[in-house]
Amino acid sequence: MVDTIVNDMCRQLDEAAIDTAHMVGNSLGGWVALELARRGRAQSVLALSPAGAWRSLRDLRRLLLIFRAGATLGRVNDMANLAARKRARRILLILMAEHADRMTPAQVTAIFEDMAGCAALPEILDGARDNGPIKPVLDVGCRLRIGWGLKDRMLPFMRYGAPMLAAVPDAEFMLIPGVGHVPMIDDPGLIARTILDFIETTDLQLNSR
């Protein structure tokens, strides 16, 4: 399924007459960004807690259970009322963000509705089980950086980040303080600065060659 997403991304880049671009992705998007680098479509990649690596089948089964539980919660009719309470929002999305209580009830409800309505989710989950983790990303010819939230409970670093770094040995690495799996929720300003700094320094390196 990841290959299907990457194929579609390449098609969209072709239609827009974009040969290469700076790629930034979070979770599944981070995995897709790394695969685009493998195909030579990236000037650089900043992957934030990228999905696609795990230490054991037990760790994969844990993820499958989490996402299926989230899709089930998305079908709860009373989600809007449940998400009205700040403490409930934080608990509901504790795996996703450290400060989900900062989101509005409508935003939290939309997240669960999207999970429940995502027709591709079962295929993505089954594909992860059937096709295995990300293949090693080697000699892609562009700058790679992997960032991991110190508060990431969805993909704890030792279980999912360490094997990702082993699969992408040329990547720079940074731990991002105070943020969870979706760091844009917890500290959008910090993540914006992290992205802009990475792209600006990458452009300086490219222009100096």
Protein backbone atom coordinates (compact mmCIF):
# COMPACT_ATOMS: atom_id res chain seq x y z
CA MET A 1 0.00 0.00 0.00
CA VAL A 2 2.87 2.41 0.70
CA ASP A 3 4.14 1.80 -2.83
CA THR A 4 0.70 2.74 -4.15
CA ILE A 5 0.80 6.03 -2.24
CA VAL A 6 4.34 6.75 -3.47
CA ASN A 7 3.33 5.96 -7.07
CA ASP A 8 0.49 8.44 -6.78
CA MET A 9 2.77 11.08 -5.28
CA CYS A 10 5.22 10.64 -8.16
CA ARG A 11 2.36 11.02 -10.63
CA GLN A 12 1.25 14.25 -8.95
CA LEU A 13 4.80 15.58 -9.02
CA ASP A 14 5.03 14.75 -12.73
CA GLU A 15 1.73 16.48 -13.45
CA ALA A 16 2.98 19.58 -11.65
CA ALA A 17 6.29 19.42 -13.55
CA ILE A 18 8.21 19.05 -10.29
CA ASP A 19 11.30 16.88 -10.62
CA THR A 20 12.50 17.07 -7.01
CA ALA A 21 11.36 18.91 -3.90
CA HIS A 22 12.05 19.20 -0.20
CA MET A 23 9.95 16.53 1.51
CA VAL A 24 8.55 16.74 5.03
CA GLY A 25 6.31 14.04 6.46
CA ASN A 26 5.00 12.81 9.78
CA SER A 27 4.26 9.16 10.64
CA LEU A 28 3.06 7.45 7.44
CA GLY A 29 3.94 10.65 5.61
CA GLY A 30 7.50 10.32 6.86
CA TRP A 31 7.73 6.82 5.45
CA VAL A 32 6.37 8.07 2.12
CA ALA A 33 8.92 10.90 2.08
CA LEU A 34 11.75 8.42 2.58
CA GLU A 35 10.43 6.26 -0.25
CA LEU A 36 10.29 9.33 -2.51
CA ALA A 37 13.96 9.91 -1.69
CA ARG A 38 14.66 6.32 -2.68
CA ARG A 39 13.09 7.09 -6.07
CA GLY A 40 15.18 10.21 -6.55
CA ARG A 41 12.33 12.69 -6.11
CA ALA A 42 13.62 14.47 -3.01
CA GLN A 43 16.06 17.34 -2.58
CA SER A 44 15.93 16.57 1.12
CA VAL A 45 13.74 14.68 3.59
CA LEU A 46 12.72 15.64 7.10
CA ALA A 47 10.80 12.69 8.53
CA LEU A 48 9.06 13.27 11.87
CA SER A 49 8.49 10.03 13.80
CA PRO A 50 8.22 8.12 10.52
CA ALA A 51 6.23 4.92 10.50
CA GLY A 52 7.53 1.78 8.83
CA ALA A 53 9.95 0.18 11.30
CA TRP A 54 9.45 -2.07 14.30
CA ARG A 55 11.53 -4.44 16.38
CA SER A 56 9.19 -7.42 16.44
CA LEU A 57 5.85 -8.75 15.25
CA ARG A 58 4.52 -7.95 18.70
CA ASP A 59 5.32 -4.28 18.11
CA LEU A 60 3.54 -4.40 14.75
CA ARG A 61 0.50 -6.09 16.26
CA ARG A 62 0.38 -3.32 18.87
CA LEU A 63 0.10 -0.71 16.11
CA LEU A 64 -2.58 -2.65 14.26
CA LEU A 65 -4.61 -2.85 17.47
CA ILE A 66 -4.23 0.89 18.16
CA PHE A 67 -5.42 1.95 14.72
CA ARG A 68 -8.31 -0.47 14.67
CA ALA A 69 -9.37 0.74 18.10
CA GLY A 70 -9.21 4.32 16.84
CA ALA A 71 -11.40 3.47 13.86
CA THR A 72 -13.89 1.83 16.20
CA LEU A 73 -13.97 4.91 18.44
CA GLY A 74 -14.68 6.99 15.37
CA ARG A 75 -18.00 5.24 15.04
CA VAL A 76 -19.12 6.30 18.51
CA ASN A 77 -22.13 8.55 18.00
CA ASP A 78 -21.51 10.57 21.15
CA MET A 79 -17.88 11.45 20.35
CA ALA A 80 -18.64 15.18 20.07
CA ASN A 81 -19.99 15.30 23.62
CA LEU A 82 -17.16 13.14 24.93
CA ALA A 83 -14.56 15.41 23.30
CA ALA A 84 -16.16 18.49 24.84
CA ARG A 85 -14.11 17.99 28.01
CA LYS A 86 -10.45 19.01 27.90
CA ARG A 87 -9.32 16.10 30.05
CA ALA A 88 -11.22 13.67 27.83
CA ARG A 89 -9.55 15.10 24.72
CA ARG A 90 -6.12 14.60 26.23
CA ILE A 91 -6.92 11.02 27.24
CA LEU A 92 -8.50 10.15 23.88
CA LEU A 93 -5.44 11.31 21.95
CA ILE A 94 -2.69 10.67 24.50
CA LEU A 95 -0.89 8.38 22.04
CA MET A 96 -0.96 11.09 19.38
CA ALA A 97 -0.08 14.24 21.30
CA GLU A 98 1.06 15.44 24.69
CA HIS A 99 -1.36 18.36 24.67
CA ALA A 100 -4.39 17.20 22.72
CA ASP A 101 -6.51 19.18 25.15
CA ARG A 102 -5.44 22.27 23.19
CA MET A 103 -7.45 21.02 20.23
CA THR A 104 -11.09 21.91 19.82
CA PRO A 105 -13.80 19.26 20.31
CA ALA A 106 -14.58 19.51 16.60
CA GLN A 107 -10.96 18.82 15.66
CA VAL A 108 -10.81 15.74 17.89
CA THR A 109 -14.11 14.45 16.56
CA ALA A 110 -12.88 14.95 12.98
CA ILE A 111 -9.73 12.92 13.68
CA PHE A 112 -11.73 9.92 14.82
CA GLU A 113 -14.26 10.30 12.01
CA ASP A 114 -11.40 10.33 9.50
CA MET A 115 -9.97 7.15 11.00
CA ALA A 116 -13.35 5.43 10.85
CA GLY A 117 -13.97 6.58 7.28
CA CYS A 118 -10.53 5.86 5.86
CA ALA A 119 -11.19 3.10 3.35
CA ALA A 120 -7.44 2.65 2.77
CA LEU A 121 -6.67 1.98 6.43
CA PRO A 122 -7.34 -1.80 6.39
CA GLU A 123 -5.18 -2.17 3.28
CA ILE A 124 -2.37 -0.13 4.83
CA LEU A 125 -2.46 -2.23 8.00
CA ASP A 126 -2.61 -5.53 6.13
CA GLY A 127 0.20 -4.40 3.84
CA ALA A 128 2.43 -3.62 6.81
CA ARG A 129 1.84 -7.12 8.13
CA ASP A 130 2.29 -8.86 4.78
CA ASN A 131 5.17 -6.84 3.29
CA GLY A 132 7.26 -6.20 6.36
CA PRO A 133 9.03 -3.05 7.56
CA ILE A 134 10.75 -0.41 5.46
CA LYS A 135 13.63 -1.67 3.35
CA PRO A 136 17.04 -0.06 3.99
CA VAL A 137 17.29 3.44 2.54
CA LEU A 138 20.84 3.77 1.24
CA ASP A 139 22.77 6.09 -1.08
CA VAL A 140 19.76 8.20 -2.07
CA GLY A 141 21.90 11.24 -2.82
CA CYS A 142 20.06 13.77 -0.68
CA ARG A 143 20.11 15.02 2.88
CA LEU A 144 17.99 13.01 5.32
CA ARG A 145 16.98 13.91 8.84
CA ILE A 146 14.78 11.96 11.24
CA GLY A 147 13.20 13.76 14.17
CA TRP A 148 11.51 11.97 17.07
CA GLY A 149 9.27 13.46 19.73
CA LEU A 150 10.52 12.79 23.24
CA LYS A 151 6.89 12.28 24.30
CA ASP A 152 5.95 9.99 21.40
CA ARG A 153 3.75 7.29 22.91
CA MET A 154 2.40 6.02 19.59
CA LEU A 155 5.85 5.05 18.35
CA PRO A 156 8.16 4.96 21.38
CA PHE A 157 11.68 5.53 20.16
CA MET A 158 13.34 2.34 21.38
CA ARG A 159 10.65 0.14 19.81
CA TYR A 160 10.19 2.00 16.53
CA GLY A 161 12.74 4.79 16.22
CA ALA A 162 15.88 2.76 16.81
CA PRO A 163 15.04 0.23 14.06
CA MET A 164 14.15 3.13 11.73
CA LEU A 165 17.59 4.67 12.26
CA ALA A 166 19.14 1.29 11.54
CA ALA A 167 17.20 1.18 8.26
CA VAL A 168 18.26 4.74 7.32
CA PRO A 169 21.88 4.82 8.51
CA ASP A 170 22.81 8.00 6.62
CA ALA A 171 20.12 10.10 8.30
CA GLU A 172 20.87 12.88 10.74
CA PHE A 173 18.90 12.47 13.95
CA MET A 174 17.28 14.84 16.41
CA LEU A 175 15.08 14.40 19.45
CA ILE A 176 12.34 17.01 19.68
CA PRO A 177 11.53 18.03 23.27
CA GLY A 178 8.03 18.33 24.65
CA VAL A 179 6.12 16.85 21.73
CA GLY A 180 4.33 13.62 20.96
CA HIS A 181 3.77 11.58 17.82
CA VAL A 182 2.07 14.42 15.92
CA PRO A 183 4.34 17.27 17.03
CA MET A 184 2.40 19.95 15.13
CA ILE A 185 -0.37 19.62 17.72
CA ASP A 186 1.93 20.17 20.68
CA ASP A 187 4.23 22.93 19.41
CA PRO A 188 3.43 24.16 15.89
CA GLY A 189 5.88 27.06 16.19
CA LEU A 190 8.78 24.78 17.08
CA ILE A 191 7.99 22.40 14.23
CA ALA A 192 7.66 25.24 11.72
CA ARG A 193 11.06 26.57 12.77
CA THR A 194 12.56 23.07 12.61
CA ILE A 195 11.28 22.59 9.05
CA LEU A 196 12.38 26.03 7.84
CA ASP A 197 15.83 25.71 9.40
CA PHE A 198 16.35 22.30 7.81
CA ILE A 199 15.31 23.51 4.35
CA GLU A 200 17.32 26.73 4.57
CA THR A 201 20.51 24.96 5.65
CA THR A 202 19.97 22.31 2.99
CA ASP A 203 19.61 24.97 0.28
CA LEU A 204 22.82 26.61 1.50
CA GLN A 205 24.62 23.29 1.18
CA LEU A 206 23.23 22.69 -2.30
CA ASN A 207 24.08 26.21 -3.49
CA SER A 208 27.63 25.98 -2.18
CA ARG A 209 28.47 22.95 -4.30
